[in-house]
PDB file of N, CA and C in Angstrom:
ATOM      1  N   MET A   1     148.711 -81.229  50.133  1.00  0.00           N
ATOM      2  CA  MET A   1     147.419 -80.593  50.053  1.00  0.00           C
ATOM      3  C   MET A   1     146.559 -81.178  51.164  1.00  0.00           C
ATOM      4  N   SER A   2     145.734 -80.348  51.759  1.00  0.00           N
ATOM      5  CA  SER A   2     144.881 -80.807  52.852  1.00  0.00           C
ATOM      6  C   SER A   2     143.728 -81.650  52.301  1.00  0.00           C
ATOM      7  N   GLU A   3     143.081 -82.374  53.207  1.00  0.00           N
ATOM      8  CA  GLU A   3     141.938 -83.201  52.800  1.00  0.00           C
ATOM      9  C   GLU A   3     140.807 -82.339  52.227  1.00  0.00           C
ATOM     10  N   THR A   4     140.575 -81.177  52.824  1.00  0.00           N
ATOM     11  CA  THR A   4     139.540 -80.275  52.320  1.00  0.00           C
ATOM     12  C   THR A   4     139.901 -79.780  50.933  1.00  0.00           C
ATOM     13  N   GLY A   5     141.156 -79.462  50.725  1.00  0.00           N
ATOM     14  CA  GLY A   5     141.607 -79.025  49.402  1.00  0.00           C
ATOM     15  C   GLY A   5     141.440 -80.115  48.363  1.00  0.00           C
ATOM     16  N   ARG A   6     141.799 -81.354  48.737  1.00  0.00           N
ATOM     17  CA  ARG A   6     141.627 -82.482  47.815  1.00  0.00           C
ATOM     18  C   ARG A   6     140.163 -82.670  47.442  1.00  0.00           C
ATOM     19  N   ALA A   7     139.286 -82.596  48.451  1.00  0.00           N
ATOM     20  CA  ALA A   7     137.856 -82.773  48.190  1.00  0.00           C
ATOM     21  C   ALA A   7     137.340 -81.673  47.258  1.00  0.00           C
ATOM     22  N   GLY A   8     137.803 -80.454  47.464  1.00  0.00           N
ATOM     23  CA  GLY A   8     137.378 -79.350  46.601  1.00  0.00           C
ATOM     24  C   GLY A   8     137.850 -79.530  45.173  1.00  0.00           C
ATOM     25  N   VAL A   9     139.077 -79.975  44.985  1.00  0.00           N
ATOM     26  CA  VAL A   9     139.611 -80.184  43.638  1.00  0.00           C
ATOM     27  C   VAL A   9     138.887 -81.350  42.952  1.00  0.00           C
ATOM     28  N   VAL A  10     138.628 -82.418  43.700  1.00  0.00           N
ATOM     29  CA  VAL A  10     137.884 -83.543  43.115  1.00  0.00           C
ATOM     30  C   VAL A  10     136.475 -83.094  42.724  1.00  0.00           C
ATOM     31  N   ALA A  11     135.827 -82.306  43.581  1.00  0.00           N
ATOM     32  CA  ALA A  11     134.487 -81.801  43.254  1.00  0.00           C
ATOM     33  C   ALA A  11     134.529 -80.944  41.991  1.00  0.00           C
ATOM     34  N   LEU A  12     135.552 -80.122  41.846  1.00  0.00           N
ATOM     35  CA  LEU A  12     135.697 -79.314  40.636  1.00  0.00           C
ATOM     36  C   LEU A  12     135.881 -80.206  39.415  1.00  0.00           C
ATOM     37  N   GLY A  13     136.718 -81.229  39.542  1.00  0.00           N
ATOM     38  CA  GLY A  13     136.936 -82.159  38.430  1.00  0.00           C
ATOM     39  C   GLY A  13     135.667 -82.888  38.031  1.00  0.00           C
ATOM     40  N   VAL A  14     134.903 -83.331  39.021  1.00  0.00           N
ATOM     41  CA  VAL A  14     133.642 -84.033  38.730  1.00  0.00           C
ATOM     42  C   VAL A  14     132.651 -83.078  38.066  1.00  0.00           C
ATOM     43  N   ALA A  15     132.613 -81.825  38.530  1.00  0.00           N
ATOM     44  CA  ALA A  15     131.725 -80.842  37.916  1.00  0.00           C
ATOM     45  C   ALA A  15     132.131 -80.582  36.470  1.00  0.00           C
ATOM     46  N   LEU A  16     133.417 -80.514  36.191  1.00  0.00           N
ATOM     47  CA  LEU A  16     133.874 -80.330  34.812  1.00  0.00           C
ATOM     48  C   LEU A  16     133.485 -81.516  33.932  1.00  0.00           C
ATOM     49  N   ILE A  17     133.656 -82.714  34.469  1.00  0.00           N
ATOM     50  CA  ILE A  17     133.274 -83.909  33.706  1.00  0.00           C
ATOM     51  C   ILE A  17     131.777 -83.904  33.427  1.00  0.00           C
ATOM     52  N   ALA A  18     130.966 -83.633  34.458  1.00  0.00           N
ATOM     53  CA  ALA A  18     129.510 -83.617  34.281  1.00  0.00           C
ATOM     54  C   ALA A  18     129.092 -82.530  33.290  1.00  0.00           C
ATOM     55  N   GLY A  19     129.690 -81.342  33.431  1.00  0.00           N
ATOM     56  CA  GLY A  19     129.362 -80.262  32.498  1.00  0.00           C
ATOM     57  C   GLY A  19     129.762 -80.601  31.079  1.00  0.00           C
ATOM     58  N   GLY A  20     130.905 -81.222  30.932  1.00  0.00           N
ATOM     59  CA  GLY A  20     131.356 -81.626  29.599  1.00  0.00           C
ATOM     60  C   GLY A  20     130.457 -82.675  28.987  1.00  0.00           C
ATOM     61  N   LEU A  21     130.001 -83.631  29.806  1.00  0.00           N
ATOM     62  CA  LEU A  21     129.084 -84.652  29.285  1.00  0.00           C
ATOM     63  C   LEU A  21     127.745 -84.044  28.888  1.00  0.00           C
ATOM     64  N   LEU A  22     127.248 -83.132  29.709  1.00  0.00           N
ATOM     65  CA  LEU A  22     125.994 -82.454  29.360  1.00  0.00           C
ATOM     66  C   LEU A  22     126.139 -81.652  28.076  1.00  0.00           C
ATOM     67  N   MET A  23     127.255 -80.952  27.931  1.00  0.00           N
ATOM     68  CA  MET A  23     127.482 -80.191  26.702  1.00  0.00           C
ATOM     69  C   MET A  23     127.607 -81.116  25.499  1.00  0.00           C
ATOM     70  N   SER A  24     128.222 -82.279  25.700  1.00  0.00           N
ATOM     71  CA  SER A  24     128.362 -83.225  24.597  1.00  0.00           C
ATOM     72  C   SER A  24     127.008 -83.749  24.137  1.00  0.00           C
ATOM     73  N   VAL A  25     126.118 -83.966  25.098  1.00  0.00           N
ATOM     74  CA  VAL A  25     124.793 -84.480  24.754  1.00  0.00           C
ATOM     75  C   VAL A  25     123.955 -83.406  24.069  1.00  0.00           C
ATOM     76  N   PHE A  26     123.949 -82.188  24.639  1.00  0.00           N
ATOM     77  CA  PHE A  26     123.061 -81.145  24.137  1.00  0.00           C
ATOM     78  C   PHE A  26     123.697 -80.245  23.080  1.00  0.00           C
ATOM     79  N   ALA A  27     125.017 -80.197  23.018  1.00  0.00           N
ATOM     80  CA  ALA A  27     125.659 -79.318  22.040  1.00  0.00           C
ATOM     81  C   ALA A  27     126.487 -80.115  21.040  1.00  0.00           C
ATOM     82  N   GLN A  28     126.196 -81.374  20.914  1.00  0.00           N
ATOM     83  CA  GLN A  28     126.773 -82.258  19.905  1.00  0.00           C
ATOM     84  C   GLN A  28     128.298 -82.295  19.912  1.00  0.00           C
ATOM     85  N   GLY A  29     128.879 -82.684  21.048  1.00  0.00           N
ATOM     86  CA  GLY A  29     130.307 -82.959  21.119  1.00  0.00           C
ATOM     87  C   GLY A  29     131.196 -81.811  21.537  1.00  0.00           C
ATOM     88  N   SER A  30     130.650 -80.649  21.801  1.00  0.00           N
ATOM     89  CA  SER A  30     131.527 -79.525  22.138  1.00  0.00           C
ATOM     90  C   SER A  30     132.031 -79.567  23.584  1.00  0.00           C
ATOM     91  N   GLY A  31     131.589 -80.519  24.368  1.00  0.00           N
ATOM     92  CA  GLY A  31     132.022 -80.607  25.762  1.00  0.00           C
ATOM     93  C   GLY A  31     133.181 -81.555  25.995  1.00  0.00           C
ATOM     94  N   ILE A  32     133.699 -82.160  24.950  1.00  0.00           N
ATOM     95  CA  ILE A  32     134.796 -83.119  25.093  1.00  0.00           C
ATOM     96  C   ILE A  32     136.020 -82.489  25.778  1.00  0.00           C
ATOM     97  N   PRO A  33     136.426 -81.260  25.421  1.00  0.00           N
ATOM     98  CA  PRO A  33     137.576 -80.673  26.136  1.00  0.00           C
ATOM     99  C   PRO A  33     137.340 -80.537  27.646  1.00  0.00           C
ATOM    100  N   LEU A  34     136.106 -80.211  28.067  1.00  0.00           N
ATOM    101  CA  LEU A  34     135.817 -80.120  29.497  1.00  0.00           C
ATOM    102  C   LEU A  34     135.950 -81.474  30.177  1.00  0.00           C
ATOM    103  N   VAL A  35     135.505 -82.525  29.514  1.00  0.00           N
ATOM    104  CA  VAL A  35     135.623 -83.871  30.074  1.00  0.00           C
ATOM    105  C   VAL A  35     137.101 -84.221  30.250  1.00  0.00           C
ATOM    106  N   ILE A  36     137.917 -83.905  29.257  1.00  0.00           N
ATOM    107  CA  ILE A  36     139.353 -84.208  29.328  1.00  0.00           C
ATOM    108  C   ILE A  36     140.010 -83.441  30.474  1.00  0.00           C
ATOM    109  N   VAL A  37     139.696 -82.152  30.595  1.00  0.00           N
ATOM    110  CA  VAL A  37     140.264 -81.350  31.681  1.00  0.00           C
ATOM    111  C   VAL A  37     139.803 -81.887  33.035  1.00  0.00           C
ATOM    112  N   GLY A  38     138.531 -82.228  33.157  1.00  0.00           N
ATOM    113  CA  GLY A  38     138.018 -82.789  34.404  1.00  0.00           C
ATOM    114  C   GLY A  38     138.716 -84.081  34.782  1.00  0.00           C
ATOM    115  N   LEU A  39     138.950 -84.953  33.794  1.00  0.00           N
ATOM    116  CA  LEU A  39     139.662 -86.202  34.062  1.00  0.00           C
ATOM    117  C   LEU A  39     141.099 -85.933  34.500  1.00  0.00           C
ATOM    118  N   LEU A  40     141.751 -84.953  33.888  1.00  0.00           N
ATOM    119  CA  LEU A  40     143.111 -84.603  34.290  1.00  0.00           C
ATOM    120  C   LEU A  40     143.156 -84.057  35.721  1.00  0.00           C
ATOM    121  N   VAL A  41     142.157 -83.255  36.086  1.00  0.00           N
ATOM    122  CA  VAL A  41     142.104 -82.695  37.441  1.00  0.00           C
ATOM    123  C   VAL A  41     141.928 -83.810  38.467  1.00  0.00           C
ATOM    124  N   VAL A  42     141.006 -84.714  38.212  1.00  0.00           N
ATOM    125  CA  VAL A  42     140.771 -85.827  39.147  1.00  0.00           C
ATOM    126  C   VAL A  42     142.001 -86.737  39.215  1.00  0.00           C
ATOM    127  N   ALA A  43     142.623 -87.007  38.066  1.00  0.00           N
ATOM    128  CA  ALA A  43     143.816 -87.852  38.049  1.00  0.00           C
ATOM    129  C   ALA A  43     144.967 -87.199  38.809  1.00  0.00           C
ATOM    130  N   SER A  44     145.081 -85.875  38.707  1.00  0.00           N
ATOM    131  CA  SER A  44     146.175 -85.205  39.413  1.00  0.00           C
ATOM    132  C   SER A  44     146.035 -85.368  40.921  1.00  0.00           C
ATOM    133  N   VAL A  45     144.809 -85.330  41.428  1.00  0.00           N
ATOM    134  CA  VAL A  45     144.598 -85.524  42.862  1.00  0.00           C
ATOM    135  C   VAL A  45     144.896 -86.973  43.241  1.00  0.00           C
ATOM    136  N   ALA A  46     144.515 -87.903  42.376  1.00  0.00           N
ATOM    137  CA  ALA A  46     144.746 -89.315  42.662  1.00  0.00           C
ATOM    138  C   ALA A  46     146.243 -89.631  42.718  1.00  0.00           C
ATOM    139  N   PHE A  47     147.029 -89.038  41.808  1.00  0.00           N
ATOM    140  CA  PHE A  47     148.462 -89.329  41.765  1.00  0.00           C
ATOM    141  C   PHE A  47     149.277 -88.432  42.688  1.00  0.00           C
ATOM    142  N   GLU A  48     148.705 -87.351  43.181  1.00  0.00           N
ATOM    143  CA  GLU A  48     149.444 -86.416  44.024  1.00  0.00           C
ATOM    144  C   GLU A  48     149.932 -87.076  45.305  1.00  0.00           C
ATOM    145  N   ARG A  49     149.135 -87.903  45.902  1.00  0.00           N
ATOM    146  CA  ARG A  49     149.551 -88.560  47.140  1.00  0.00           C
ATOM    147  C   ARG A  49     150.711 -89.506  46.914  1.00  0.00           C
ATOM    148  N   ARG A  50     150.692 -90.201  45.804  1.00  0.00           N
ATOM    149  CA  ARG A  50     151.740 -91.187  45.558  1.00  0.00           C
ATOM    150  C   ARG A  50     153.038 -90.549  45.095  1.00  0.00           C
ATOM    151  N   TYR A  51     152.938 -89.570  44.198  1.00  0.00           N
ATOM    152  CA  TYR A  51     154.139 -89.012  43.584  1.00  0.00           C
ATOM    153  C   TYR A  51     154.463 -87.595  44.033  1.00  0.00           C
ATOM    154  N   GLY A  52     153.579 -86.952  44.772  1.00  0.00           N
ATOM    155  CA  GLY A  52     153.820 -85.577  45.207  1.00  0.00           C
ATOM    156  C   GLY A  52     154.785 -85.509  46.367  1.00  0.00           C
ATOM    157  N   ARG A  53     155.076 -84.295  46.788  1.00  0.00           N
ATOM    158  CA  ARG A  53     155.955 -84.110  47.942  1.00  0.00           C
ATOM    159  C   ARG A  53     155.241 -84.604  49.185  1.00  0.00           C
ATOM    160  N   GLN A  54     156.003 -85.145  50.087  1.00  0.00           N
ATOM    161  CA  GLN A  54     155.437 -85.631  51.334  1.00  0.00           C
ATOM    162  C   GLN A  54     154.995 -84.452  52.184  1.00  0.00           C
ATOM    163  N   GLY A  55     154.000 -84.663  53.032  1.00  0.00           N
ATOM    164  CA  GLY A  55     153.452 -83.589  53.839  1.00  0.00           C
ATOM    165  C   GLY A  55     154.416 -83.028  54.861  1.00  0.00           C
ATOM    166  N   ARG A  56     155.290 -83.842  55.396  1.00  0.00           N
ATOM    167  CA  ARG A  56     156.225 -83.375  56.407  1.00  0.00           C
ATOM    168  C   ARG A  56     157.653 -83.553  55.908  1.00  0.00           C
ATOM    169  N   GLN A  57     158.440 -82.566  56.212  1.00  0.00           N
ATOM    170  CA  GLN A  57     159.838 -82.658  55.829  1.00  0.00           C
ATOM    171  C   GLN A  57     160.576 -83.548  56.811  1.00  0.00           C
ATOM    172  N   ARG A  58     161.656 -84.093  56.352  1.00  0.00           N
ATOM    173  CA  ARG A  58     162.488 -84.949  57.172  1.00  0.00           C
ATOM    174  C   ARG A  58     163.093 -84.151  58.323  1.00  0.00           C
ATOM    175  N   SER A  59     163.197 -84.777  59.458  1.00  0.00           N
ATOM    176  CA  SER A  59     163.789 -84.123  60.618  1.00  0.00           C
ATOM    177  C   SER A  59     165.279 -83.904  60.370  1.00  0.00           C
ATOM    178  N   VAL A  60     165.732 -82.685  60.590  1.00  0.00           N
ATOM    179  CA  VAL A  60     167.137 -82.353  60.390  1.00  0.00           C
ATOM    180  C   VAL A  60     167.756 -82.047  61.751  1.00  0.00           C
ATOM    181  N   PRO A  61     168.832 -82.726  62.111  1.00  0.00           N
ATOM    182  CA  PRO A  61     169.453 -82.463  63.399  1.00  0.00           C
ATOM    183  C   PRO A  61     169.871 -81.002  63.532  1.00  0.00           C
ATOM    184  N   HIS A  62     169.836 -80.516  64.771  1.00  0.00           N
ATOM    185  CA  HIS A  62     170.116 -79.113  65.057  1.00  0.00           C
ATOM    186  C   HIS A  62     171.525 -78.716  64.631  1.00  0.00           C
ATOM    187  N   GLY A  63     172.484 -79.605  64.708  1.00  0.00           N
ATOM    188  CA  GLY A  63     173.874 -79.274  64.418  1.00  0.00           C
ATOM    189  C   GLY A  63     174.223 -79.244  62.947  1.00  0.00           C
ATOM    190  N   ASP A  64     173.298 -79.586  62.043  1.00  0.00           N
ATOM    191  CA  ASP A  64     173.606 -79.641  60.622  1.00  0.00           C
ATOM    192  C   ASP A  64     173.604 -78.286  59.938  1.00  0.00           C
ATOM    193  N   TRP A  65     173.160 -77.240  60.603  1.00  0.00           N
ATOM    194  CA  TRP A  65     173.155 -75.909  60.002  1.00  0.00           C
ATOM    195  C   TRP A  65     174.579 -75.416  59.847  1.00  0.00           C
ATOM    196  N   GLN A  66     174.872 -74.797  58.700  1.00  0.00           N
ATOM    197  CA  GLN A  66     176.218 -74.285  58.447  1.00  0.00           C
ATOM    198  C   GLN A  66     176.156 -72.787  58.181  1.00  0.00           C
ATOM    199  N   LEU A  67     177.101 -72.069  58.711  1.00  0.00           N
ATOM    200  CA  LEU A  67     177.202 -70.632  58.516  1.00  0.00           C
ATOM    201  C   LEU A  67     177.773 -70.366  57.126  1.00  0.00           C
ATOM    202  N   THR A  68     177.129 -69.474  56.351  1.00  0.00           N
ATOM    203  CA  THR A  68     177.589 -69.193  54.983  1.00  0.00           C
ATOM    204  C   THR A  68     178.613 -68.079  54.924  1.00  0.00           C
ATOM    205  N   GLY A  69     178.692 -67.265  55.943  1.00  0.00           N
ATOM    206  CA  GLY A  69     179.600 -66.137  55.920  1.00  0.00           C
ATOM    207  C   GLY A  69     178.941 -64.851  55.418  1.00  0.00           C
ATOM    208  N   GLU A  70     177.703 -64.962  54.941  1.00  0.00           N
ATOM    209  CA  GLU A  70     176.978 -63.773  54.481  1.00  0.00           C
ATOM    210  C   GLU A  70     176.438 -63.027  55.698  1.00  0.00           C
ATOM    211  N   ARG A  71     176.610 -61.710  55.700  1.00  0.00           N
ATOM    212  CA  ARG A  71     176.075 -60.864  56.770  1.00  0.00           C
ATOM    213  C   ARG A  71     175.506 -59.603  56.145  1.00  0.00           C
ATOM    214  N   PHE A  72     174.415 -59.113  56.724  1.00  0.00           N
ATOM    215  CA  PHE A  72     173.824 -57.866  56.242  1.00  0.00           C
ATOM    216  C   PHE A  72     172.908 -57.308  57.309  1.00  0.00           C
ATOM    217  N   ILE A  73     172.433 -56.102  57.093  1.00  0.00           N
ATOM    218  CA  ILE A  73     171.497 -55.474  58.022  1.00  0.00           C
ATOM    219  C   ILE A  73     170.088 -55.707  57.485  1.00  0.00           C
ATOM    220  N   ASP A  74     169.249 -56.323  58.308  1.00  0.00           N
ATOM    221  CA  ASP A  74     167.867 -56.605  57.937  1.00  0.00           C
ATOM    222  C   ASP A  74     167.087 -55.297  57.841  1.00  0.00           C
ATOM    223  N   ASP A  75     166.427 -55.077  56.704  1.00  0.00           N
ATOM    224  CA  ASP A  75     165.682 -53.835  56.487  1.00  0.00           C
ATOM    225  C   ASP A  75     164.527 -53.669  57.463  1.00  0.00           C
ATOM    226  N   GLU A  76     163.857 -54.755  57.801  1.00  0.00           N
ATOM    227  CA  GLU A  76     162.677 -54.665  58.663  1.00  0.00           C
ATOM    228  C   GLU A  76     163.028 -54.418  60.128  1.00  0.00           C
ATOM    229  N   SER A  77     163.993 -55.180  60.646  1.00  0.00           N
ATOM    230  CA  SER A  77     164.305 -55.074  62.071  1.00  0.00           C
ATOM    231  C   SER A  77     165.465 -54.125  62.363  1.00  0.00           C
ATOM    232  N   GLY A  78     166.305 -53.868  61.363  1.00  0.00           N
ATOM    233  CA  GLY A  78     167.475 -53.029  61.572  1.00  0.00           C
ATOM    234  C   GLY A  78     168.627 -53.764  62.241  1.00  0.00           C
ATOM    235  N   GLU A  79     168.471 -55.063  62.499  1.00  0.00           N
ATOM    236  CA  GLU A  79     169.506 -55.869  63.152  1.00  0.00           C
ATOM    237  C   GLU A  79     170.498 -56.390  62.123  1.00  0.00           C
ATOM    238  N   ARG A  80     171.725 -56.621  62.581  1.00  0.00           N
ATOM    239  CA  ARG A  80     172.717 -57.292  61.734  1.00  0.00           C
ATOM    240  C   ARG A  80     172.436 -58.788  61.818  1.00  0.00           C
ATOM    241  N   VAL A  81     172.303 -59.427  60.673  1.00  0.00           N
ATOM    242  CA  VAL A  81     171.997 -60.854  60.642  1.00  0.00           C
ATOM    243  C   VAL A  81     173.039 -61.584  59.816  1.00  0.00           C
ATOM    244  N   GLU A  82     173.132 -62.888  60.074  1.00  0.00           N
ATOM    245  CA  GLU A  82     173.999 -63.747  59.277  1.00  0.00           C
ATOM    246  C   GLU A  82     173.151 -64.887  58.716  1.00  0.00           C
ATOM    247  N   VAL A  83     173.638 -65.467  57.632  1.00  0.00           N
ATOM    248  CA  VAL A  83     172.865 -66.481  56.908  1.00  0.00           C
ATOM    249  C   VAL A  83     173.387 -67.869  57.260  1.00  0.00           C
ATOM    250  N   TRP A  84     172.465 -68.747  57.649  1.00  0.00           N
ATOM    251  CA  TRP A  84     172.751 -70.150  57.913  1.00  0.00           C
ATOM    252  C   TRP A  84     172.030 -70.970  56.853  1.00  0.00           C
ATOM    253  N   ILE A  85     172.627 -72.101  56.457  1.00  0.00           N
ATOM    254  CA  ILE A  85     172.005 -72.953  55.444  1.00  0.00           C
ATOM    255  C   ILE A  85     172.020 -74.401  55.910  1.00  0.00           C
ATOM    256  N   ASP A  86     170.950 -75.110  55.549  1.00  0.00           N
ATOM    257  CA  ASP A  86     170.886 -76.548  55.785  1.00  0.00           C
ATOM    258  C   ASP A  86     171.315 -77.217  54.486  1.00  0.00           C
ATOM    259  N   PRO A  87     172.466 -77.873  54.448  1.00  0.00           N
ATOM    260  CA  PRO A  87     172.953 -78.449  53.193  1.00  0.00           C
ATOM    261  C   PRO A  87     172.088 -79.587  52.647  1.00  0.00           C
ATOM    262  N   LEU A  88     171.286 -80.206  53.491  1.00  0.00           N
ATOM    263  CA  LEU A  88     170.434 -81.301  53.011  1.00  0.00           C
ATOM    264  C   LEU A  88     169.208 -80.797  52.258  1.00  0.00           C
ATOM    265  N   THR A  89     168.595 -79.721  52.757  1.00  0.00           N
ATOM    266  CA  THR A  89     167.348 -79.236  52.147  1.00  0.00           C
ATOM    267  C   THR A  89     167.523 -77.941  51.380  1.00  0.00           C
ATOM    268  N   GLY A  90     168.622 -77.222  51.623  1.00  0.00           N
ATOM    269  CA  GLY A  90     168.823 -75.928  50.971  1.00  0.00           C
ATOM    270  C   GLY A  90     168.109 -74.784  51.672  1.00  0.00           C
ATOM    271  N   GLU A  91     167.424 -75.089  52.772  1.00  0.00           N
ATOM    272  CA  GLU A  91     166.710 -74.046  53.513  1.00  0.00           C
ATOM    273  C   GLU A  91     167.712 -73.057  54.092  1.00  0.00           C
ATOM    274  N   ARG A  92     167.352 -71.767  54.016  1.00  0.00           N
ATOM    275  CA  ARG A  92     168.208 -70.711  54.557  1.00  0.00           C
ATOM    276  C   ARG A  92     167.506 -70.048  55.723  1.00  0.00           C
ATOM    277  N   ARG A  93     168.277 -69.689  56.746  1.00  0.00           N
ATOM    278  CA  ARG A  93     167.747 -68.965  57.905  1.00  0.00           C
ATOM    279  C   ARG A  93     168.567 -67.699  58.090  1.00  0.00           C
ATOM    280  N   TYR A  94     167.898 -66.652  58.458  1.00  0.00           N
ATOM    281  CA  TYR A  94     168.543 -65.370  58.703  1.00  0.00           C
ATOM    282  C   TYR A  94     168.404 -65.077  60.195  1.00  0.00           C
ATOM    283  N   GLU A  95     169.510 -65.193  60.920  1.00  0.00           N
ATOM    284  CA  GLU A  95     169.499 -65.063  62.366  1.00  0.00           C
ATOM    285  C   GLU A  95     170.386 -63.901  62.790  1.00  0.00           C
ATOM    286  N   PRO A  96     170.028 -63.248  63.900  1.00  0.00           N
ATOM    287  CA  PRO A  96     170.913 -62.208  64.431  1.00  0.00           C
ATOM    288  C   PRO A  96     172.311 -62.788  64.674  1.00  0.00           C
ATOM    289  N   ILE A  97     173.321 -61.975  64.468  1.00  0.00           N
ATOM    290  CA  ILE A  97     174.701 -62.442  64.584  1.00  0.00           C
ATOM    291  C   ILE A  97     174.942 -63.029  65.972  1.00  0.00           C
ATOM    292  N   GLY A  98     175.568 -64.226  65.979  1.00  0.00           N
ATOM    293  CA  GLY A  98     175.887 -64.907  67.222  1.00  0.00           C
ATOM    294  C   GLY A  98     174.824 -65.883  67.693  1.00  0.00           C
ATOM    295  N   ARG A  99     173.685 -65.926  67.026  1.00  0.00           N
ATOM    296  CA  ARG A  99     172.615 -66.837  67.446  1.00  0.00           C
ATOM    297  C   ARG A  99     172.529 -67.985  66.444  1.00  0.00           C
ATOM    298  N   HIS A 100     172.561 -69.213  66.950  1.00  0.00           N
ATOM    299  CA  HIS A 100     172.428 -70.392  66.092  1.00  0.00           C
ATOM    300  C   HIS A 100     170.971 -70.515  65.650  1.00  0.00           C
ATOM    301  N   PRO A 101     170.701 -71.013  64.437  1.00  0.00           N
ATOM    302  CA  PRO A 101     169.313 -71.137  63.987  1.00  0.00           C
ATOM    303  C   PRO A 101     168.467 -71.948  64.957  1.00  0.00           C
ATOM    304  N   ARG A 102     167.289 -71.449  65.198  1.00  0.00           N
ATOM    305  CA  ARG A 102     166.347 -72.137  66.077  1.00  0.00           C
ATOM    306  C   ARG A 102     165.440 -73.027  65.239  1.00  0.00           C
ATOM    307  N   ILE A 103     164.975 -74.105  65.829  1.00  0.00           N
ATOM    308  CA  ILE A 103     163.963 -74.929  65.190  1.00  0.00           C
ATOM    309  C   ILE A 103     162.632 -74.450  65.740  1.00  0.00           C
ATOM    310  N   ALA A 104     161.763 -73.944  64.843  1.00  0.00           N
ATOM    311  CA  ALA A 104     160.527 -73.294  65.268  1.00  0.00           C
ATOM    312  C   ALA A 104     159.602 -74.240  66.018  1.00  0.00           C
ATOM    313  N   ASP A 105     159.387 -75.417  65.494  1.00  0.00           N
ATOM    314  CA  ASP A 105     158.458 -76.362  66.106  1.00  0.00           C
ATOM    315  C   ASP A 105     159.207 -77.658  66.358  1.00  0.00           C
ATOM    316  N   ARG A 106     159.492 -77.948  67.611  1.00  0.00           N
ATOM    317  CA  ARG A 106     160.288 -79.127  67.925  1.00  0.00           C
ATOM    318  C   ARG A 106     159.576 -80.438  67.581  1.00  0.00           C
ATOM    319  N   ALA A 107     158.255 -80.428  67.497  1.00  0.00           N
ATOM    320  CA  ALA A 107     157.519 -81.654  67.169  1.00  0.00           C
ATOM    321  C   ALA A 107     157.759 -82.056  65.723  1.00  0.00           C
ATOM    322  N   THR A 108     157.780 -81.093  64.799  1.00  0.00           N
ATOM    323  CA  THR A 108     157.958 -81.411  63.382  1.00  0.00           C
ATOM    324  C   THR A 108     159.326 -81.022  62.874  1.00  0.00           C
ATOM    325  N   HIS A 109     160.121 -80.313  63.694  1.00  0.00           N
ATOM    326  CA  HIS A 109     161.448 -79.829  63.306  1.00  0.00           C
ATOM    327  C   HIS A 109     161.395 -78.937  62.101  1.00  0.00           C
ATOM    328  N   ARG A 110     160.336 -78.074  62.020  1.00  0.00           N
ATOM    329  CA  ARG A 110     160.225 -77.141  60.897  1.00  0.00           C
ATOM    330  C   ARG A 110     160.079 -75.748  61.423  1.00  0.00           C
TER     331      ARG A 110
END
């Protein structure tokens, strides 16, 4: 999640906590569920960095792609394509027949 996204989620969690506390004060305890949800939202952002998926995938060497033997005609382009798979990540690429999968961004290998 981006830094802006994290800040937005934390702001939402804090707003839920504040709203729940206000409801608890003025509506005699009916805001407790909002406080609990707000705490869960803030906690999820706090633990997401430690236990969530990493922002960048591991670099996979160009030669690790394996041909699956699947071939079909792509509906959008009308080209015959074959399926390549990365056995480490499970990612699949659909490339025109005879072309090895390309790495889109050489800096991140994604």
